[in-house]
Amino acid sequence: MSEQTIYILLTLAAFASSSRIASEKSCTCGSVTELSCVALAEPGVPYRSIRWYKVDEENNLRGLVRKRLAPQNKTVEYYTGLIRHVEFVSENSSNIIMSNVTKMDSGRYICFLAAPLGHRNQEGEVFLRVDGCQVKELDYHSKELLELVVAIILILVSLLIFTISYVFLRNVLKSSRKKLIKEHLWKMSHPQGNMIYANGLKTLESVYV
């Protein structure tokens, strides 16, 4: 069994043995927001660490930050693949702050108090709602649709240019062909053509008058 599998199993077991309290918070777009850890810590329990997660659209936990709670070790660690930078308010605080929040920051956040053996883990859930954001970017599906429309337009423009070029070239060739046919027919109807004399170019009619 790999270390990653063991870690996932331990995390699931820890959450299964914890109790959760939920709250809700609203903020405006672009502001600095503080998320309070509403997990109820039992008095006298030396919790090992506090962790913050965000719940993604697939209901998976995405790690944000972790702080050790040992008296001589308040180390703050960030998870690999961090999706959003957050900071603890202070060394002795369980709350986190986020700067310049956007619509993407809306969602569920979980603070988790990891208890030692023999005690119950505690966790709190905060639902963050960010208001007042103007949509500046299209979502993923809209971008795909836009790319498809642009590709279709480019194809249509290319076909139009090809059609115009083809018609123009066909008309040029047709005109040249008509000209060559007319010249050929004229030569066939005037087999002797023009006769050259010392006094210059004269037609047959001028010679026999």
N, C-alpha and C. Protein backbone atom coordinates (compact mmCIF):
# COMPACT_ATOMS: atom_id res chain seq x y z
N MET A 1 0.85 -1.20 0.00
CA MET A 1 0.00 0.00 0.00
C MET A 1 0.88 1.24 0.00
N SER A 2 0.62 2.16 -0.90
CA SER A 2 1.46 3.35 -1.06
C SER A 2 1.21 4.34 0.07
N GLU A 3 2.17 5.29 0.23
CA GLU A 3 2.03 6.31 1.26
C GLU A 3 0.84 7.21 0.99
N GLN A 4 0.59 7.50 -0.30
CA GLN A 4 -0.54 8.35 -0.66
C GLN A 4 -1.86 7.69 -0.27
N THR A 5 -1.97 6.38 -0.49
CA THR A 5 -3.19 5.66 -0.12
C THR A 5 -3.39 5.67 1.38
N ILE A 6 -2.30 5.46 2.12
CA ILE A 6 -2.37 5.48 3.58
C ILE A 6 -2.82 6.84 4.08
N TYR A 7 -2.25 7.91 3.45
CA TYR A 7 -2.61 9.27 3.86
C TYR A 7 -4.09 9.54 3.62
N ILE A 8 -4.60 9.10 2.46
CA ILE A 8 -6.01 9.31 2.15
C ILE A 8 -6.90 8.57 3.13
N LEU A 9 -6.53 7.32 3.46
CA LEU A 9 -7.32 6.54 4.40
C LEU A 9 -7.32 7.17 5.78
N LEU A 10 -6.16 7.67 6.22
CA LEU A 10 -6.08 8.32 7.52
C LEU A 10 -6.91 9.59 7.56
N THR A 11 -6.86 10.34 6.45
CA THR A 11 -7.65 11.58 6.39
C THR A 11 -9.14 11.29 6.45
N LEU A 12 -9.58 10.27 5.68
CA LEU A 12 -10.99 9.90 5.70
C LEU A 12 -11.41 9.41 7.08
N ALA A 13 -10.54 8.64 7.72
CA ALA A 13 -10.85 8.15 9.06
C ALA A 13 -10.95 9.30 10.05
N ALA A 14 -10.06 10.28 9.89
CA ALA A 14 -10.08 11.43 10.79
C ALA A 14 -11.37 12.22 10.62
N PHE A 15 -11.80 12.43 9.38
CA PHE A 15 -13.04 13.17 9.15
C PHE A 15 -14.26 12.37 9.62
N ALA A 16 -14.18 11.06 9.49
CA ALA A 16 -15.30 10.23 9.92
C ALA A 16 -15.50 10.29 11.43
N SER A 17 -14.41 10.53 12.17
CA SER A 17 -14.49 10.56 13.63
C SER A 17 -14.58 11.98 14.17
N SER A 18 -14.98 12.92 13.35
CA SER A 18 -15.06 14.32 13.77
C SER A 18 -16.49 14.81 13.73
N SER A 19 -16.74 15.90 14.45
CA SER A 19 -18.04 16.55 14.43
C SER A 19 -17.89 17.89 13.73
N ARG A 20 -18.94 18.31 13.00
CA ARG A 20 -18.83 19.51 12.17
C ARG A 20 -19.89 20.54 12.55
N ILE A 21 -19.45 21.80 12.56
CA ILE A 21 -20.35 22.93 12.77
C ILE A 21 -20.23 23.83 11.55
N ALA A 22 -21.37 24.33 11.04
CA ALA A 22 -21.36 25.11 9.81
C ALA A 22 -21.74 26.56 10.08
N SER A 23 -21.23 27.45 9.22
CA SER A 23 -21.58 28.87 9.28
C SER A 23 -21.53 29.42 7.86
N GLU A 24 -21.92 30.67 7.71
CA GLU A 24 -21.94 31.31 6.39
C GLU A 24 -21.39 32.72 6.50
N LYS A 25 -20.70 33.14 5.43
CA LYS A 25 -20.11 34.47 5.42
C LYS A 25 -20.26 35.08 4.03
N SER A 26 -20.55 36.38 4.00
CA SER A 26 -20.66 37.11 2.73
C SER A 26 -19.61 38.21 2.69
N CYS A 27 -19.13 38.50 1.50
CA CYS A 27 -18.16 39.57 1.32
C CYS A 27 -18.31 40.15 -0.08
N THR A 28 -17.65 41.26 -0.30
CA THR A 28 -17.71 41.90 -1.62
C THR A 28 -16.47 41.56 -2.42
N CYS A 29 -16.63 41.58 -3.71
CA CYS A 29 -15.53 41.25 -4.61
C CYS A 29 -14.38 42.24 -4.45
N GLY A 30 -13.16 41.70 -4.38
CA GLY A 30 -11.98 42.55 -4.26
C GLY A 30 -11.58 42.89 -2.85
N SER A 31 -12.36 42.46 -1.88
CA SER A 31 -12.07 42.80 -0.48
C SER A 31 -11.12 41.79 0.15
N VAL A 32 -10.67 42.12 1.37
CA VAL A 32 -9.88 41.19 2.19
C VAL A 32 -10.84 40.52 3.15
N THR A 33 -10.89 39.21 3.12
CA THR A 33 -11.90 38.47 3.88
C THR A 33 -11.24 37.55 4.90
N GLU A 34 -11.84 37.52 6.07
CA GLU A 34 -11.37 36.63 7.13
C GLU A 34 -12.38 35.52 7.33
N LEU A 35 -11.89 34.29 7.28
CA LEU A 35 -12.73 33.13 7.54
C LEU A 35 -12.45 32.61 8.94
N SER A 36 -13.49 32.54 9.74
CA SER A 36 -13.33 32.10 11.13
C SER A 36 -13.49 30.60 11.23
N CYS A 37 -12.62 30.00 12.02
CA CYS A 37 -12.73 28.57 12.27
C CYS A 37 -13.78 28.36 13.36
N VAL A 38 -14.88 27.75 12.99
CA VAL A 38 -15.99 27.57 13.93
C VAL A 38 -15.95 26.20 14.61
N ALA A 39 -14.88 25.45 14.39
CA ALA A 39 -14.75 24.16 15.06
C ALA A 39 -14.63 24.38 16.57
N LEU A 40 -15.39 23.62 17.33
CA LEU A 40 -15.39 23.78 18.79
C LEU A 40 -14.27 22.95 19.41
N ALA A 41 -13.26 23.64 19.89
CA ALA A 41 -12.14 22.95 20.53
C ALA A 41 -12.51 22.61 21.97
N GLU A 42 -12.29 21.37 22.35
CA GLU A 42 -12.57 20.95 23.73
C GLU A 42 -11.49 21.50 24.65
N PRO A 43 -11.88 22.07 25.76
CA PRO A 43 -10.89 22.62 26.70
C PRO A 43 -9.91 21.56 27.18
N GLY A 44 -8.66 21.93 27.20
CA GLY A 44 -7.63 21.04 27.73
C GLY A 44 -7.11 20.02 26.75
N VAL A 45 -7.65 19.95 25.56
CA VAL A 45 -7.18 18.98 24.56
C VAL A 45 -6.04 19.59 23.75
N PRO A 46 -4.87 18.96 23.78
CA PRO A 46 -3.72 19.51 23.02
C PRO A 46 -3.80 19.11 21.53
N TYR A 47 -4.56 19.83 20.78
CA TYR A 47 -4.70 19.51 19.36
C TYR A 47 -3.35 19.61 18.65
N ARG A 48 -3.13 18.70 17.75
CA ARG A 48 -1.83 18.61 17.08
C ARG A 48 -1.67 19.65 15.98
N SER A 49 -2.73 19.90 15.23
CA SER A 49 -2.62 20.85 14.13
C SER A 49 -4.01 21.35 13.74
N ILE A 50 -4.01 22.43 12.98
CA ILE A 50 -5.24 22.93 12.39
C ILE A 50 -5.02 23.02 10.88
N ARG A 51 -5.99 22.54 10.14
CA ARG A 51 -5.87 22.49 8.68
C ARG A 51 -7.09 23.16 8.05
N TRP A 52 -6.82 23.81 6.93
CA TRP A 52 -7.90 24.44 6.17
C TRP A 52 -7.97 23.80 4.78
N TYR A 53 -9.20 23.49 4.37
CA TYR A 53 -9.45 22.90 3.06
C TYR A 53 -10.54 23.69 2.34
N LYS A 54 -10.54 23.57 1.02
CA LYS A 54 -11.68 24.04 0.23
C LYS A 54 -12.31 22.84 -0.45
N VAL A 55 -13.63 22.80 -0.47
CA VAL A 55 -14.36 21.70 -1.11
C VAL A 55 -14.62 22.09 -2.56
N ASP A 56 -14.11 21.29 -3.51
CA ASP A 56 -14.27 21.65 -4.92
C ASP A 56 -15.63 21.19 -5.44
N GLU A 57 -15.86 21.39 -6.74
CA GLU A 57 -17.15 21.08 -7.35
C GLU A 57 -17.47 19.59 -7.31
N GLU A 58 -16.44 18.76 -7.22
CA GLU A 58 -16.65 17.32 -7.17
C GLU A 58 -16.68 16.80 -5.74
N ASN A 59 -16.80 17.74 -4.79
CA ASN A 59 -16.88 17.41 -3.37
C ASN A 59 -15.59 16.79 -2.83
N ASN A 60 -14.48 17.13 -3.44
CA ASN A 60 -13.17 16.69 -2.95
C ASN A 60 -12.53 17.80 -2.13
N LEU A 61 -11.72 17.41 -1.16
CA LEU A 61 -11.04 18.38 -0.31
C LEU A 61 -9.73 18.81 -0.97
N ARG A 62 -9.55 20.11 -1.11
CA ARG A 62 -8.31 20.67 -1.66
C ARG A 62 -7.59 21.41 -0.54
N GLY A 63 -6.41 20.90 -0.18
CA GLY A 63 -5.68 21.47 0.94
C GLY A 63 -5.20 22.89 0.68
N LEU A 64 -5.34 23.77 1.67
CA LEU A 64 -4.89 25.15 1.57
C LEU A 64 -3.66 25.39 2.45
N VAL A 65 -3.83 25.21 3.76
CA VAL A 65 -2.74 25.53 4.68
C VAL A 65 -2.90 24.70 5.95
N ARG A 66 -1.77 24.45 6.61
CA ARG A 66 -1.78 23.71 7.87
C ARG A 66 -0.82 24.36 8.85
N LYS A 67 -1.22 24.39 10.12
CA LYS A 67 -0.35 24.95 11.16
C LYS A 67 -0.27 23.98 12.32
N ARG A 68 0.96 23.70 12.75
CA ARG A 68 1.17 22.85 13.92
C ARG A 68 0.82 23.65 15.17
N LEU A 69 0.27 22.96 16.17
CA LEU A 69 -0.17 23.64 17.38
C LEU A 69 0.64 23.29 18.61
N ALA A 70 1.80 22.68 18.40
CA ALA A 70 2.67 22.39 19.54
C ALA A 70 3.17 23.70 20.14
N PRO A 71 3.33 23.77 21.47
CA PRO A 71 3.75 25.03 22.11
C PRO A 71 5.04 25.60 21.53
N GLN A 72 5.98 24.76 21.19
CA GLN A 72 7.26 25.23 20.67
C GLN A 72 7.36 25.11 19.15
N ASN A 73 6.27 24.76 18.51
CA ASN A 73 6.31 24.58 17.05
C ASN A 73 5.00 25.04 16.43
N LYS A 74 5.01 26.27 15.89
CA LYS A 74 3.84 26.83 15.23
C LYS A 74 4.07 26.91 13.72
N THR A 75 4.75 25.90 13.20
CA THR A 75 5.12 25.92 11.78
C THR A 75 3.88 25.95 10.89
N VAL A 76 3.93 26.82 9.89
CA VAL A 76 2.86 26.92 8.90
C VAL A 76 3.33 26.27 7.61
N GLU A 77 2.54 25.38 7.09
CA GLU A 77 2.89 24.66 5.86
C GLU A 77 1.76 24.79 4.85
N TYR A 78 2.15 24.93 3.58
CA TYR A 78 1.17 25.03 2.50
C TYR A 78 1.15 23.73 1.72
N TYR A 79 -0.01 23.37 1.26
CA TYR A 79 -0.17 22.11 0.54
C TYR A 79 0.36 22.23 -0.89
N THR A 80 0.83 21.10 -1.40
CA THR A 80 1.29 21.05 -2.78
C THR A 80 0.12 21.27 -3.74
N GLY A 81 0.37 22.06 -4.79
CA GLY A 81 -0.71 22.36 -5.73
C GLY A 81 -1.73 23.31 -5.14
N LEU A 82 -1.27 24.24 -4.34
CA LEU A 82 -2.15 25.21 -3.69
C LEU A 82 -2.99 25.95 -4.72
N ILE A 83 -4.30 25.97 -4.53
CA ILE A 83 -5.19 26.61 -5.50
C ILE A 83 -5.46 28.07 -5.16
N ARG A 84 -5.19 28.45 -3.89
CA ARG A 84 -5.46 29.82 -3.47
C ARG A 84 -4.59 30.14 -2.26
N HIS A 85 -3.86 31.24 -2.34
CA HIS A 85 -2.98 31.60 -1.22
C HIS A 85 -3.80 32.21 -0.08
N VAL A 86 -3.61 31.66 1.10
CA VAL A 86 -4.26 32.17 2.31
C VAL A 86 -3.20 32.30 3.40
N GLU A 87 -3.53 33.04 4.45
CA GLU A 87 -2.62 33.22 5.58
C GLU A 87 -3.41 33.18 6.87
N PHE A 88 -2.76 32.69 7.92
CA PHE A 88 -3.38 32.77 9.24
C PHE A 88 -3.33 34.21 9.72
N VAL A 89 -4.37 34.61 10.45
CA VAL A 89 -4.45 35.99 10.93
C VAL A 89 -3.26 36.32 11.82
N SER A 90 -2.91 35.38 12.69
CA SER A 90 -1.75 35.56 13.58
C SER A 90 -1.23 34.19 13.98
N GLU A 91 -0.17 34.18 14.74
CA GLU A 91 0.44 32.92 15.16
C GLU A 91 -0.49 32.11 16.04
N ASN A 92 -1.28 32.79 16.86
CA ASN A 92 -2.15 32.09 17.81
C ASN A 92 -3.60 32.02 17.34
N SER A 93 -3.85 32.38 16.08
CA SER A 93 -5.21 32.38 15.57
C SER A 93 -5.45 31.18 14.67
N SER A 94 -6.69 30.71 14.69
CA SER A 94 -7.10 29.62 13.80
C SER A 94 -7.78 30.13 12.54
N ASN A 95 -8.03 31.44 12.48
CA ASN A 95 -8.71 32.04 11.33
C ASN A 95 -7.72 32.33 10.21
N ILE A 96 -8.23 32.36 9.00
CA ILE A 96 -7.39 32.68 7.84
C ILE A 96 -7.95 33.91 7.13
N ILE A 97 -7.09 34.57 6.37
CA ILE A 97 -7.51 35.72 5.58
C ILE A 97 -7.15 35.48 4.12
N MET A 98 -7.99 36.03 3.25
CA MET A 98 -7.77 35.97 1.81
C MET A 98 -7.86 37.38 1.26
N SER A 99 -6.90 37.75 0.42
CA SER A 99 -6.88 39.09 -0.16
C SER A 99 -7.48 39.08 -1.56
N ASN A 100 -8.11 40.20 -1.91
CA ASN A 100 -8.64 40.40 -3.26
C ASN A 100 -9.48 39.21 -3.72
N VAL A 101 -10.53 38.92 -2.97
CA VAL A 101 -11.36 37.76 -3.29
C VAL A 101 -12.12 37.97 -4.59
N THR A 102 -12.36 36.89 -5.28
CA THR A 102 -13.10 36.91 -6.54
C THR A 102 -14.24 35.89 -6.47
N LYS A 103 -15.00 35.83 -7.55
CA LYS A 103 -16.11 34.87 -7.61
C LYS A 103 -15.61 33.44 -7.48
N MET A 104 -14.40 33.19 -7.93
CA MET A 104 -13.83 31.85 -7.86
C MET A 104 -13.60 31.40 -6.42
N ASP A 105 -13.53 32.35 -5.49
CA ASP A 105 -13.30 32.01 -4.08
C ASP A 105 -14.57 31.60 -3.37
N SER A 106 -15.72 31.78 -4.01
CA SER A 106 -16.97 31.36 -3.39
C SER A 106 -16.97 29.85 -3.21
N GLY A 107 -17.63 29.40 -2.15
CA GLY A 107 -17.73 27.96 -1.93
C GLY A 107 -17.58 27.58 -0.48
N ARG A 108 -17.36 26.30 -0.26
CA ARG A 108 -17.28 25.74 1.10
C ARG A 108 -15.83 25.58 1.52
N TYR A 109 -15.57 26.00 2.76
CA TYR A 109 -14.25 25.86 3.37
C TYR A 109 -14.40 25.09 4.68
N ILE A 110 -13.41 24.28 4.97
CA ILE A 110 -13.45 23.47 6.18
C ILE A 110 -12.17 23.69 6.98
N CYS A 111 -12.34 23.99 8.27
CA CYS A 111 -11.19 24.03 9.17
C CYS A 111 -11.25 22.77 10.04
N PHE A 112 -10.12 22.13 10.19
CA PHE A 112 -10.07 20.81 10.82
C PHE A 112 -9.06 20.84 11.96
N LEU A 113 -9.52 20.49 13.15
CA LEU A 113 -8.64 20.40 14.31
C LEU A 113 -8.29 18.93 14.53
N ALA A 114 -7.02 18.59 14.32
CA ALA A 114 -6.57 17.21 14.47
C ALA A 114 -6.25 16.95 15.94
N ALA A 115 -7.02 16.05 16.54
CA ALA A 115 -6.86 15.76 17.97
C ALA A 115 -5.90 14.59 18.18
N PRO A 116 -5.29 14.51 19.35
CA PRO A 116 -4.43 13.36 19.65
C PRO A 116 -5.28 12.11 19.88
N LEU A 117 -4.61 10.98 19.97
CA LEU A 117 -5.33 9.72 20.18
C LEU A 117 -6.13 9.78 21.47
N GLY A 118 -7.33 9.26 21.40
CA GLY A 118 -8.20 9.25 22.57
C GLY A 118 -9.16 10.42 22.62
N HIS A 119 -9.02 11.36 21.68
CA HIS A 119 -9.91 12.52 21.64
C HIS A 119 -10.55 12.63 20.26
N ARG A 120 -11.61 13.39 20.22
CA ARG A 120 -12.39 13.51 18.99
C ARG A 120 -11.92 14.72 18.18
N ASN A 121 -11.71 14.48 16.88
CA ASN A 121 -11.37 15.59 15.98
C ASN A 121 -12.57 16.54 15.87
N GLN A 122 -12.27 17.79 15.62
CA GLN A 122 -13.31 18.80 15.47
C GLN A 122 -13.13 19.51 14.13
N GLU A 123 -14.24 19.86 13.53
CA GLU A 123 -14.15 20.60 12.28
C GLU A 123 -15.31 21.57 12.15
N GLY A 124 -15.05 22.64 11.40
CA GLY A 124 -16.07 23.64 11.15
C GLY A 124 -16.14 23.95 9.66
N GLU A 125 -17.33 24.20 9.19
CA GLU A 125 -17.52 24.50 7.76
C GLU A 125 -18.02 25.92 7.59
N VAL A 126 -17.40 26.63 6.66
CA VAL A 126 -17.79 28.00 6.35
C VAL A 126 -18.15 28.07 4.88
N PHE A 127 -19.34 28.58 4.61
CA PHE A 127 -19.73 28.79 3.21
C PHE A 127 -19.51 30.27 2.89
N LEU A 128 -18.62 30.53 1.93
CA LEU A 128 -18.29 31.90 1.55
C LEU A 128 -19.04 32.28 0.28
N ARG A 129 -19.72 33.43 0.35
CA ARG A 129 -20.41 33.96 -0.82
C ARG A 129 -19.81 35.31 -1.17
N VAL A 130 -19.30 35.43 -2.39
CA VAL A 130 -18.67 36.67 -2.85
C VAL A 130 -19.64 37.37 -3.79
N ASP A 131 -20.01 38.61 -3.43
CA ASP A 131 -20.98 39.38 -4.22
C ASP A 131 -20.29 40.54 -4.94
N GLY A 132 -20.96 41.04 -5.98
CA GLY A 132 -20.51 42.25 -6.66
C GLY A 132 -19.42 42.05 -7.69
N CYS A 133 -19.16 40.81 -8.07
CA CYS A 133 -18.10 40.56 -9.06
C CYS A 133 -18.69 40.65 -10.46
N GLN A 134 -17.99 41.33 -11.33
CA GLN A 134 -18.37 41.38 -12.73
C GLN A 134 -17.64 40.27 -13.46
N VAL A 135 -18.38 39.56 -14.28
CA VAL A 135 -17.78 38.44 -15.02
C VAL A 135 -16.93 39.01 -16.13
N LYS A 136 -15.60 38.86 -16.01
CA LYS A 136 -14.68 39.38 -17.00
C LYS A 136 -14.19 38.32 -17.97
N GLU A 137 -14.37 37.08 -17.54
CA GLU A 137 -13.89 35.99 -18.39
C GLU A 137 -15.03 35.00 -18.62
N LEU A 138 -15.04 34.44 -19.80
CA LEU A 138 -16.02 33.42 -20.11
C LEU A 138 -15.65 32.13 -19.40
N ASP A 139 -16.65 31.34 -19.04
CA ASP A 139 -16.35 30.06 -18.44
C ASP A 139 -15.77 29.13 -19.50
N TYR A 140 -15.39 27.94 -19.05
CA TYR A 140 -14.68 27.00 -19.92
C TYR A 140 -15.51 26.62 -21.15
N HIS A 141 -16.80 26.34 -20.93
CA HIS A 141 -17.64 25.91 -22.05
C HIS A 141 -17.88 27.06 -23.03
N SER A 142 -18.02 28.29 -22.50
CA SER A 142 -18.21 29.44 -23.39
C SER A 142 -16.97 29.67 -24.24
N LYS A 143 -15.79 29.46 -23.65
CA LYS A 143 -14.55 29.61 -24.41
C LYS A 143 -14.49 28.59 -25.53
N GLU A 144 -14.89 27.36 -25.22
CA GLU A 144 -14.90 26.33 -26.26
C GLU A 144 -15.85 26.71 -27.39
N LEU A 145 -17.03 27.22 -27.03
CA LEU A 145 -18.00 27.63 -28.04
C LEU A 145 -17.46 28.78 -28.88
N LEU A 146 -16.79 29.73 -28.24
CA LEU A 146 -16.21 30.87 -28.96
C LEU A 146 -15.14 30.40 -29.93
N GLU A 147 -14.28 29.48 -29.49
CA GLU A 147 -13.24 28.95 -30.37
C GLU A 147 -13.86 28.23 -31.57
N LEU A 148 -14.95 27.50 -31.34
CA LEU A 148 -15.62 26.80 -32.43
C LEU A 148 -16.20 27.78 -33.43
N VAL A 149 -16.84 28.85 -32.93
CA VAL A 149 -17.43 29.86 -33.82
C VAL A 149 -16.35 30.54 -34.64
N VAL A 150 -15.22 30.89 -34.00
CA VAL A 150 -14.12 31.54 -34.72
C VAL A 150 -13.57 30.62 -35.80
N ALA A 151 -13.43 29.32 -35.49
CA ALA A 151 -12.93 28.36 -36.48
C ALA A 151 -13.88 28.26 -37.67
N ILE A 152 -15.19 28.24 -37.40
CA ILE A 152 -16.17 28.17 -38.49
C ILE A 152 -16.10 29.41 -39.36
N ILE A 153 -15.98 30.58 -38.72
CA ILE A 153 -15.89 31.84 -39.47
C ILE A 153 -14.65 31.84 -40.36
N LEU A 154 -13.52 31.38 -39.84
CA LEU A 154 -12.29 31.33 -40.63
C LEU A 154 -12.44 30.40 -41.83
N ILE A 155 -13.11 29.27 -41.61
CA ILE A 155 -13.33 28.33 -42.71
C ILE A 155 -14.21 28.96 -43.79
N LEU A 156 -15.28 29.64 -43.36
CA LEU A 156 -16.18 30.29 -44.32
C LEU A 156 -15.48 31.39 -45.10
N VAL A 157 -14.65 32.18 -44.40
CA VAL A 157 -13.89 33.24 -45.08
C VAL A 157 -12.93 32.64 -46.09
N SER A 158 -12.27 31.54 -45.71
CA SER A 158 -11.34 30.87 -46.64
C SER A 158 -12.07 30.35 -47.87
N LEU A 159 -13.25 29.76 -47.66
CA LEU A 159 -14.04 29.27 -48.80
C LEU A 159 -14.49 30.42 -49.69
N LEU A 160 -14.85 31.55 -49.09
CA LEU A 160 -15.28 32.70 -49.87
C LEU A 160 -14.13 33.23 -50.73
N ILE A 161 -12.95 33.34 -50.12
CA ILE A 161 -11.77 33.81 -50.86
C ILE A 161 -11.44 32.85 -52.00
N PHE A 162 -11.51 31.55 -51.72
CA PHE A 162 -11.23 30.55 -52.75
C PHE A 162 -12.23 30.65 -53.91
N THR A 163 -13.52 30.84 -53.56
CA THR A 163 -14.55 30.94 -54.60
C THR A 163 -14.35 32.17 -55.47
N ILE A 164 -14.05 33.31 -54.84
CA ILE A 164 -13.81 34.55 -55.59
C ILE A 164 -12.60 34.39 -56.51
N SER A 165 -11.53 33.80 -55.99
CA SER A 165 -10.32 33.59 -56.79
C SER A 165 -10.60 32.66 -57.96
N TYR A 166 -11.37 31.62 -57.71
CA TYR A 166 -11.69 30.66 -58.77
C TYR A 166 -12.52 31.31 -59.88
N VAL A 167 -13.53 32.08 -59.48
CA VAL A 167 -14.38 32.75 -60.48
C VAL A 167 -13.58 33.75 -61.29
N PHE A 168 -12.71 34.51 -60.62
CA PHE A 168 -11.89 35.50 -61.32
C PHE A 168 -10.95 34.82 -62.31
N LEU A 169 -10.28 33.76 -61.87
CA LEU A 169 -9.36 33.04 -62.75
C LEU A 169 -10.10 32.40 -63.92
N ARG A 170 -11.28 31.86 -63.66
CA ARG A 170 -12.07 31.25 -64.73
C ARG A 170 -12.47 32.28 -65.77
N ASN A 171 -12.88 33.47 -65.33
CA ASN A 171 -13.26 34.53 -66.27
C ASN A 171 -12.07 34.99 -67.10
N VAL A 172 -10.90 35.10 -66.44
CA VAL A 172 -9.70 35.50 -67.17
C VAL A 172 -9.35 34.48 -68.24
N LEU A 173 -9.38 33.20 -67.86
CA LEU A 173 -9.06 32.14 -68.82
C LEU A 173 -10.10 32.09 -69.94
N LYS A 174 -11.35 32.29 -69.57
CA LYS A 174 -12.42 32.28 -70.58
C LYS A 174 -12.25 33.42 -71.57
N SER A 175 -11.91 34.61 -71.06
CA SER A 175 -11.71 35.77 -71.93
C SER A 175 -10.51 35.56 -72.85
N SER A 176 -9.42 35.01 -72.30
CA SER A 176 -8.23 34.75 -73.11
C SER A 176 -8.52 33.72 -74.19
N ARG A 177 -9.30 32.72 -73.82
CA ARG A 177 -9.63 31.67 -74.79
C ARG A 177 -10.47 32.23 -75.94
N LYS A 178 -11.45 33.09 -75.60
CA LYS A 178 -12.27 33.70 -76.65
C LYS A 178 -11.43 34.55 -77.58
N LYS A 179 -10.48 35.26 -77.02
CA LYS A 179 -9.61 36.11 -77.83
C LYS A 179 -8.78 35.27 -78.79
N LEU A 180 -8.23 34.16 -78.28
CA LEU A 180 -7.42 33.29 -79.13
C LEU A 180 -8.27 32.67 -80.24
N ILE A 181 -9.51 32.29 -79.92
CA ILE A 181 -10.39 31.69 -80.94
C ILE A 181 -10.73 32.70 -82.03
N LYS A 182 -11.01 33.95 -81.60
CA LYS A 182 -11.33 34.99 -82.58
C LYS A 182 -10.15 35.25 -83.50
N GLU A 183 -8.94 35.30 -82.94
CA GLU A 183 -7.75 35.52 -83.76
C GLU A 183 -7.54 34.36 -84.73
N HIS A 184 -7.77 33.15 -84.22
CA HIS A 184 -7.59 31.97 -85.07
C HIS A 184 -8.61 31.96 -86.22
N LEU A 185 -9.87 32.30 -85.91
CA LEU A 185 -10.90 32.35 -86.95
C LEU A 185 -10.61 33.44 -87.97
N TRP A 186 -10.11 34.57 -87.51
CA TRP A 186 -9.78 35.66 -88.45
C TRP A 186 -8.68 35.24 -89.40
N LYS A 187 -7.67 34.54 -88.87
CA LYS A 187 -6.57 34.08 -89.72
C LYS A 187 -7.07 33.05 -90.73
N MET A 188 -8.02 32.21 -90.28
CA MET A 188 -8.56 31.21 -91.20
C MET A 188 -9.38 31.87 -92.31
N SER A 189 -10.08 32.96 -92.00
CA SER A 189 -10.89 33.66 -93.01
C SER A 189 -10.05 34.57 -93.90
N HIS A 190 -8.83 34.87 -93.55
CA HIS A 190 -7.91 35.68 -94.35
C HIS A 190 -6.61 34.90 -94.52
N PRO A 191 -6.65 33.89 -95.39
CA PRO A 191 -5.48 33.00 -95.50
C PRO A 191 -4.22 33.69 -95.98
N GLN A 192 -4.36 34.75 -96.87
CA GLN A 192 -3.15 35.40 -97.37
C GLN A 192 -2.71 36.54 -96.48
N GLY A 193 -3.57 36.90 -95.61
CA GLY A 193 -3.20 37.93 -94.65
C GLY A 193 -2.83 39.23 -95.32
N ASN A 194 -1.89 39.91 -94.84
CA ASN A 194 -1.39 41.18 -95.37
C ASN A 194 -0.18 40.92 -96.27
N MET A 195 -0.03 41.74 -97.28
CA MET A 195 1.12 41.63 -98.17
C MET A 195 2.02 42.83 -97.94
N ILE A 196 3.29 42.57 -97.89
CA ILE A 196 4.26 43.63 -97.62
C ILE A 196 4.90 44.07 -98.92
N TYR A 197 4.89 45.36 -99.20
CA TYR A 197 5.51 45.95 -100.38
C TYR A 197 6.56 46.94 -99.93
N ALA A 198 7.29 47.38 -100.93
CA ALA A 198 8.36 48.32 -100.61
C ALA A 198 7.83 49.61 -100.04
N ASN A 199 6.63 49.98 -100.47
CA ASN A 199 6.04 51.23 -99.99
C ASN A 199 5.33 51.07 -98.65
N GLY A 200 5.35 49.90 -98.12
CA GLY A 200 4.72 49.72 -96.81
C GLY A 200 3.72 48.60 -96.84
N LEU A 201 2.88 48.56 -95.77
CA LEU A 201 1.90 47.51 -95.58
C LEU A 201 0.62 47.88 -96.31
N LYS A 202 0.16 46.99 -97.23
CA LYS A 202 -1.06 47.23 -98.00
C LYS A 202 -1.93 45.99 -97.94
N THR A 203 -3.21 46.22 -97.92
CA THR A 203 -4.15 45.10 -97.92
C THR A 203 -4.36 44.63 -99.34
N LEU A 204 -4.97 43.45 -99.50
CA LEU A 204 -5.21 42.90 -100.83
C LEU A 204 -6.14 43.78 -101.63
N GLU A 205 -7.12 44.41 -100.99
CA GLU A 205 -8.05 45.26 -101.69
C GLU A 205 -7.34 46.44 -102.35
N SER A 206 -6.36 47.01 -101.67
CA SER A 206 -5.66 48.18 -102.23
C SER A 206 -4.77 47.78 -103.40
N VAL A 207 -4.39 46.52 -103.47
CA VAL A 207 -3.50 46.09 -104.55
C VAL A 207 -4.27 45.93 -105.84
N TYR A 208 -5.47 45.39 -105.77
CA TYR A 208 -6.20 45.06 -106.98
C TYR A 208 -7.22 46.12 -107.38
N VAL A 209 -7.20 47.27 -106.78
CA VAL A 209 -8.11 48.35 -107.18
C VAL A 209 -7.60 48.99 -108.46
